[in-house]
C-alpha atoms as a PDB file:
ATOM      1  CA  MET A   1      91.416 103.982  87.073  1.00  0.00           C
ATOM      2  CA  ALA A   2      92.654 102.163  84.527  1.00  0.00           C
ATOM      3  CA  ASP A   3      93.476  98.068  85.480  1.00  0.00           C
ATOM      4  CA  ARG A   4      93.492  95.239  84.074  1.00  0.00           C
ATOM      5  CA  SER A   5      93.496  91.734  85.970  1.00  0.00           C
ATOM      6  CA  ILE A   6      96.403  89.583  85.724  1.00  0.00           C
ATOM      7  CA  GLU A   7      95.383  86.373  88.492  1.00  0.00           C
ATOM      8  CA  LYS A   8      93.544  85.143  91.221  1.00  0.00           C
ATOM      9  CA  PRO A   9      95.917  84.450  93.703  1.00  0.00           C
ATOM     10  CA  THR A  10      94.968  83.516  97.143  1.00  0.00           C
ATOM     11  CA  LEU A  11      95.095  86.057  99.595  1.00  0.00           C
ATOM     12  CA  LEU A  12      99.035  88.465  99.583  1.00  0.00           C
ATOM     13  CA  SER A  13     100.121  89.579 102.944  1.00  0.00           C
ATOM     14  CA  LEU A  14     101.378  92.922 103.835  1.00  0.00           C
ATOM     15  CA  ASP A  15     104.806  91.727 103.135  1.00  0.00           C
ATOM     16  CA  ASP A  16     104.025  90.363  99.750  1.00  0.00           C
ATOM     17  CA  LEU A  17     102.880  93.675  98.682  1.00  0.00           C
ATOM     18  CA  MET A  18     105.786  95.042  99.933  1.00  0.00           C
ATOM     19  CA  ALA A  19     108.065  92.849  98.479  1.00  0.00           C
ATOM     20  CA  MET A  20     106.757  94.230  94.929  1.00  0.00           C
ATOM     21  CA  GLY A  21     108.041  97.918  96.022  1.00  0.00           C
ATOM     22  CA  SER A  22     106.696 100.370  97.189  1.00  0.00           C
ATOM     23  CA  ASP A  23     105.586 101.836  93.739  1.00  0.00           C
ATOM     24  CA  ALA A  24     104.547  98.958  92.438  1.00  0.00           C
ATOM     25  CA  PRO A  25     101.327  99.588  90.080  1.00  0.00           C
ATOM     26  CA  VAL A  26      98.651  97.204  91.411  1.00  0.00           C
ATOM     27  CA  GLU A  27      95.953  97.272  93.598  1.00  0.00           C
ATOM     28  CA  ILE A  28      93.745  94.082  95.165  1.00  0.00           C
ATOM     29  CA  ILE A  29      90.501  94.226  94.729  1.00  0.00           C
ATOM     30  CA  ASN A  30      88.106  91.821  96.452  1.00  0.00           C
ATOM     31  CA  GLY A  31      91.411  89.386  97.193  1.00  0.00           C
ATOM     32  CA  GLU A  32      92.070  89.678  93.756  1.00  0.00           C
ATOM     33  CA  LEU A  33      95.626  91.284  92.615  1.00  0.00           C
ATOM     34  CA  ILE A  34      95.082  93.725  89.580  1.00  0.00           C
ATOM     35  CA  GLU A  35      98.075  95.343  87.279  1.00  0.00           C
ATOM     36  CA  MET A  36      97.522  98.471  86.935  1.00  0.00           C
ATOM     37  CA  VAL A  37      97.398 100.611  83.326  1.00  0.00           C
ATOM     38  CA  ALA A  38      99.349 103.979  82.773  1.00  0.00           C
ATOM     39  CA  ALA A  39      96.175 105.938  82.427  1.00  0.00           C
ATOM     40  CA  GLY A  40      97.924 108.308  80.338  1.00  0.00           C
ATOM     41  CA  VAL A  41      97.942 112.699  80.133  1.00  0.00           C
ATOM     42  CA  LEU A  42      94.746 113.211  80.477  1.00  0.00           C
ATOM     43  CA  HIS A  43      94.270 111.546  84.243  1.00  0.00           C
ATOM     44  CA  ALA A  44      97.532 113.463  85.546  1.00  0.00           C
ATOM     45  CA  MET A  45      95.482 116.898  84.164  1.00  0.00           C
ATOM     46  CA  LEU A  46      92.488 116.427  85.753  1.00  0.00           C
ATOM     47  CA  GLY A  47      93.978 115.183  88.901  1.00  0.00           C
ATOM     48  CA  ALA A  48      96.323 117.919  89.178  1.00  0.00           C
ATOM     49  CA  ASN A  49      93.606 120.112  88.661  1.00  0.00           C
ATOM     50  CA  ILE A  50      91.901 118.434  91.712  1.00  0.00           C
ATOM     51  CA  VAL A  51      95.073 118.724  93.972  1.00  0.00           C
ATOM     52  CA  GLY A  52      96.154 122.210  92.855  1.00  0.00           C
ATOM     53  CA  VAL A  53      93.095 124.080  94.140  1.00  0.00           C
ATOM     54  CA  PHE A  54      93.730 121.680  97.664  1.00  0.00           C
ATOM     55  CA  ARG A  55      97.119 123.018  97.584  1.00  0.00           C
ATOM     56  CA  MET A  56      95.557 126.643  97.597  1.00  0.00           C
ATOM     57  CA  TYR A  57      93.713 126.072 100.765  1.00  0.00           C
ATOM     58  CA  LEU A  58      95.469 123.399 103.306  1.00  0.00           C
ATOM     59  CA  PRO A  59      98.747 125.904 103.407  1.00  0.00           C
ATOM     60  CA  THR A  60      96.401 128.172 105.174  1.00  0.00           C
ATOM     61  CA  HIS A  61      94.263 125.646 107.007  1.00  0.00           C
ATOM     62  CA  PRO A  62      96.785 122.730 107.577  1.00  0.00           C
ATOM     63  CA  ILE A  63      94.106 120.001 108.925  1.00  0.00           C
ATOM     64  CA  GLY A  64      95.099 116.783 106.197  1.00  0.00           C
ATOM     65  CA  ALA A  65      97.096 115.963 102.802  1.00  0.00           C
ATOM     66  CA  VAL A  66      96.489 115.763  99.390  1.00  0.00           C
ATOM     67  CA  MET A  67      98.009 112.721  97.288  1.00  0.00           C
ATOM     68  CA  GLN A  68      97.415 112.330  93.826  1.00  0.00           C
ATOM     69  CA  ASP A  69      97.855 109.104  92.566  1.00  0.00           C
ATOM     70  CA  GLY A  70     100.561 106.450  93.944  1.00  0.00           C
ATOM     71  CA  ALA A  71      98.961 106.548  97.783  1.00  0.00           C
ATOM     72  CA  THR A  72      97.473 103.036  98.862  1.00  0.00           C
ATOM     73  CA  TYR A  73      94.655 102.041 100.837  1.00  0.00           C
ATOM     74  CA  LEU A  74      94.184  99.053 102.918  1.00  0.00           C
ATOM     75  CA  MET A  75      91.020  99.312 103.494  1.00  0.00           C
ATOM     76  CA  PHE A  76      91.753  97.839 107.201  1.00  0.00           C
ATOM     77  CA  SER A  77      91.963  94.289 105.448  1.00  0.00           C
ATOM     78  CA  SER A  78      93.940  92.359 107.571  1.00  0.00           C
ATOM     79  CA  ALA A  79      97.992  92.343 107.322  1.00  0.00           C
ATOM     80  CA  ARG A  80      98.065  88.680 106.882  1.00  0.00           C
ATOM     81  CA  GLY A  81      95.415  88.418 103.936  1.00  0.00           C
ATOM     82  CA  LEU A  82      94.566  91.963 101.874  1.00  0.00           C
ATOM     83  CA  LYS A  83      91.159  91.419 100.993  1.00  0.00           C
ATOM     84  CA  ASN A  84      91.403  95.077  99.618  1.00  0.00           C
ATOM     85  CA  SER A  85      94.443  97.713  98.851  1.00  0.00           C
ATOM     86  CA  PHE A  86      93.228 100.646  97.079  1.00  0.00           C
ATOM     87  CA  VAL A  87      95.422 103.583  95.203  1.00  0.00           C
ATOM     88  CA  PRO A  88      92.566 106.586  94.179  1.00  0.00           C
ATOM     89  CA  ASP A  89      93.572 108.601  91.694  1.00  0.00           C
ATOM     90  CA  VAL A  90      93.669 111.878  94.342  1.00  0.00           C
ATOM     91  CA  SER A  91      92.741 111.091  98.103  1.00  0.00           C
ATOM     92  CA  TYR A  92      92.746 113.328 100.923  1.00  0.00           C
ATOM     93  CA  ILE A  93      93.310 112.331 104.486  1.00  0.00           C
ATOM     94  CA  ARG A  94      92.397 114.235 107.414  1.00  0.00           C
ATOM     95  CA  ASN A  95      94.815 114.748 110.460  1.00  0.00           C
ATOM     96  CA  GLU A  96      93.673 113.107 112.681  1.00  0.00           C
ATOM     97  CA  ASN A  97      92.719 109.580 110.647  1.00  0.00           C
ATOM     98  CA  VAL A  98      96.626 109.502 110.402  1.00  0.00           C
ATOM     99  CA  PRO A  99      97.602 106.397 112.664  1.00  0.00           C
ATOM    100  CA  PRO A 100     100.113 107.694 115.431  1.00  0.00           C
ATOM    101  CA  GLY A 101     103.398 106.411 114.177  1.00  0.00           C
ATOM    102  CA  TRP A 102     102.572 105.524 110.433  1.00  0.00           C
ATOM    103  CA  ASN A 103     105.443 105.230 108.177  1.00  0.00           C
ATOM    104  CA  PRO A 104     104.174 107.044 104.824  1.00  0.00           C
ATOM    105  CA  GLU A 105     106.490 104.668 102.979  1.00  0.00           C
ATOM    106  CA  LYS A 106     103.970 102.419 103.865  1.00  0.00           C
ATOM    107  CA  PRO A 107     100.545 102.016 103.033  1.00  0.00           C
ATOM    108  CA  HIS A 108      97.534 103.426 104.853  1.00  0.00           C
ATOM    109  CA  PRO A 109      96.091 100.785 107.105  1.00  0.00           C
ATOM    110  CA  GLY A 110      92.502 102.949 106.497  1.00  0.00           C
ATOM    111  CA  ALA A 111      90.514 104.242 103.800  1.00  0.00           C
ATOM    112  CA  PRO A 112      90.957 108.053 102.958  1.00  0.00           C
ATOM    113  CA  ASP A 113      88.365 110.474 104.067  1.00  0.00           C
ATOM    114  CA  LEU A 114      88.358 111.709 100.379  1.00  0.00           C
ATOM    115  CA  ALA A 115      88.729 109.063  97.560  1.00  0.00           C
ATOM    116  CA  VAL A 116      88.656 110.558  93.855  1.00  0.00           C
ATOM    117  CA  GLU A 117      88.739 108.437  90.472  1.00  0.00           C
ATOM    118  CA  ILE A 118      89.001 109.005  87.340  1.00  0.00           C
ATOM    119  CA  VAL A 119      87.109 107.080  85.001  1.00  0.00           C
ATOM    120  CA  SER A 120      88.671 105.489  81.973  1.00  0.00           C
ATOM    121  CA  PRO A 121      86.089 104.472  79.696  1.00  0.00           C
ATOM    122  CA  THR A 122      87.548 101.403  79.137  1.00  0.00           C
ATOM    123  CA  ASP A 123      86.777 100.778  83.037  1.00  0.00           C
ATOM    124  CA  ASP A 124      84.093  98.133  83.897  1.00  0.00           C
ATOM    125  CA  PRO A 125      81.223 100.040  85.541  1.00  0.00           C
ATOM    126  CA  GLU A 126      80.669  97.502  88.009  1.00  0.00           C
ATOM    127  CA  GLU A 127      84.268  97.344  88.827  1.00  0.00           C
ATOM    128  CA  VAL A 128      83.946 100.741  89.616  1.00  0.00           C
ATOM    129  CA  GLN A 129      80.280 100.655  91.586  1.00  0.00           C
ATOM    130  CA  TRP A 130      81.830  98.133  93.687  1.00  0.00           C
ATOM    131  CA  LYS A 131      84.630 100.321  94.738  1.00  0.00           C
ATOM    132  CA  ARG A 132      82.995 103.270  95.305  1.00  0.00           C
ATOM    133  CA  ARG A 133      80.762 100.948  98.156  1.00  0.00           C
ATOM    134  CA  THR A 134      83.841  99.321  99.701  1.00  0.00           C
ATOM    135  CA  TYR A 135      85.753 102.775 100.089  1.00  0.00           C
ATOM    136  CA  LEU A 136      82.089 104.729 101.838  1.00  0.00           C
ATOM    137  CA  GLN A 137      81.241 101.146 103.854  1.00  0.00           C
ATOM    138  CA  LYS A 138      84.930 101.295 105.225  1.00  0.00           C
ATOM    139  CA  GLY A 139      84.584 105.080 106.464  1.00  0.00           C
ATOM    140  CA  THR A 140      85.137 107.294 103.071  1.00  0.00           C
ATOM    141  CA  GLN A 141      83.740 110.148 104.183  1.00  0.00           C
ATOM    142  CA  GLN A 142      82.862 111.247 100.164  1.00  0.00           C
ATOM    143  CA  VAL A 143      83.752 109.604  97.131  1.00  0.00           C
ATOM    144  CA  TRP A 144      83.886 111.586  93.513  1.00  0.00           C
ATOM    145  CA  LEU A 145      83.599 109.626  89.983  1.00  0.00           C
ATOM    146  CA  VAL A 146      84.714 112.097  87.463  1.00  0.00           C
ATOM    147  CA  TYR A 147      83.862 111.408  83.851  1.00  0.00           C
ATOM    148  CA  PHE A 148      86.229 112.962  81.770  1.00  0.00           C
ATOM    149  CA  ARG A 149      84.120 112.663  78.345  1.00  0.00           C
ATOM    150  CA  LEU A 150      80.680 113.872  80.119  1.00  0.00           C
ATOM    151  CA  ARG A 151      82.384 116.533  82.198  1.00  0.00           C
ATOM    152  CA  GLU A 152      80.815 115.742  85.195  1.00  0.00           C
ATOM    153  CA  VAL A 153      81.449 114.760  88.642  1.00  0.00           C
ATOM    154  CA  HIS A 154      79.128 112.230  90.880  1.00  0.00           C
ATOM    155  CA  GLN A 155      79.825 112.926  94.920  1.00  0.00           C
ATOM    156  CA  TYR A 156      78.487 109.450  96.604  1.00  0.00           C
ATOM    157  CA  THR A 157      78.171 110.044 100.634  1.00  0.00           C
ATOM    158  CA  ALA A 158      76.409 107.769 103.211  1.00  0.00           C
ATOM    159  CA  GLU A 159      73.471 109.963 101.930  1.00  0.00           C
ATOM    160  CA  GLY A 160      73.269 109.680  98.655  1.00  0.00           C
ATOM    161  CA  VAL A 161      74.867 111.168  95.150  1.00  0.00           C
ATOM    162  CA  LYS A 162      75.005 114.502  93.603  1.00  0.00           C
ATOM    163  CA  ILE A 163      75.787 115.175  90.157  1.00  0.00           C
ATOM    164  CA  TYR A 164      77.644 118.050  88.959  1.00  0.00           C
ATOM    165  CA  SER A 165      77.643 118.748  85.427  1.00  0.00           C
ATOM    166  CA  GLN A 166      77.393 122.646  85.187  1.00  0.00           C
ATOM    167  CA  PRO A 167      80.583 124.115  84.506  1.00  0.00           C
ATOM    168  CA  GLU A 168      80.529 126.858  87.321  1.00  0.00           C
ATOM    169  CA  GLU A 169      78.489 124.041  90.147  1.00  0.00           C
ATOM    170  CA  GLN A 170      80.916 124.237  93.272  1.00  0.00           C
ATOM    171  CA  ILE A 171      81.499 120.844  94.460  1.00  0.00           C
ATOM    172  CA  ASP A 172      80.535 120.951  98.168  1.00  0.00           C
ATOM    173  CA  VAL A 173      83.433 120.462  99.866  1.00  0.00           C
ATOM    174  CA  GLU A 174      82.695 121.932 103.586  1.00  0.00           C
ATOM    175  CA  ALA A 175      82.458 118.538 105.691  1.00  0.00           C
ATOM    176  CA  LEU A 176      85.904 117.596 104.781  1.00  0.00           C
ATOM    177  CA  LEU A 177      87.174 121.529 104.195  1.00  0.00           C
ATOM    178  CA  PRO A 178      85.047 123.710 105.928  1.00  0.00           C
ATOM    179  CA  GLY A 179      85.259 127.362 103.913  1.00  0.00           C
ATOM    180  CA  MET A 180      87.663 125.629 100.803  1.00  0.00           C
ATOM    181  CA  THR A 181      86.317 127.388  97.411  1.00  0.00           C
ATOM    182  CA  GLY A 182      87.009 127.380  93.895  1.00  0.00           C
ATOM    183  CA  LEU A 183      86.528 123.583  93.174  1.00  0.00           C
ATOM    184  CA  THR A 184      84.136 124.275  90.666  1.00  0.00           C
ATOM    185  CA  LEU A 185      83.859 121.786  87.405  1.00  0.00           C
ATOM    186  CA  ALA A 186      85.086 124.749  85.304  1.00  0.00           C
ATOM    187  CA  ALA A 187      88.595 124.367  87.234  1.00  0.00           C
ATOM    188  CA  ILE A 188      88.462 120.505  87.077  1.00  0.00           C
ATOM    189  CA  PHE A 189      87.952 120.352  83.527  1.00  0.00           C
ATOM    190  CA  ASP A 190      90.147 123.501  82.609  1.00  0.00           C
ATOM    191  CA  LEU A 191      92.563 121.147  80.012  1.00  0.00           C
ATOM    192  CA  PRO A 192      94.797 123.271  77.007  1.00  0.00           C
ATOM    193  CA  ALA A 193      92.597 123.524  73.755  1.00  0.00           C
ATOM    194  CA  TRP A 194      94.173 120.552  71.910  1.00  0.00           C
ATOM    195  CA  VAL A 195      92.981 118.659  74.924  1.00  0.00           C
ATOM    196  CA  ASN A 196      90.518 116.447  72.646  1.00  0.00           C
ATOM    197  CA  MET A 197      88.204 114.721  75.464  1.00  0.00           C
ATOM    198  CA  GLU A 198      86.248 112.611  72.979  1.00  0.00           C
ATOM    199  CA  ASP A 199      88.127 110.248  71.312  1.00  0.00           C
END
């Protein structure tokens, strides 16, 4: 989640967004077009660790789909004027929340059931929290903020926040993925010895 503002236009339409290309590295945050800076190898490895646990579970429990980066959610914005368009680092949607006839080559019109944002040191804390609140307001059941320097995961739901800080703590995903195990902080932060997360 490493962004930088490039301009503040009038609200873009879905057609405008699609004209940029399905892989355009942009988000729309409160009507403002944001160019997403490549987050780097550490983000990719942490995201892959989370996705890896999901992919051990989903083949035997085909109740949804997990995506790492690149999946765009319009957060129920009007296609004629997009107020928000988010691209979480990891997202999960349950089968029942896939719109009938939805073309996965296009953005999802709603919100993910789970959004994971890996927070960069350069991210604006107020913007991070604004996005977190917007996810929950639009129906996302859980938002995880992953702080790699702290080695913490902050799990937000409509009821509040739980902070995981101990390596063997198991993140509670029972509401979304019944019976899934193995998603501990140790699994999320399982990185090669040459990775220095303090820099």
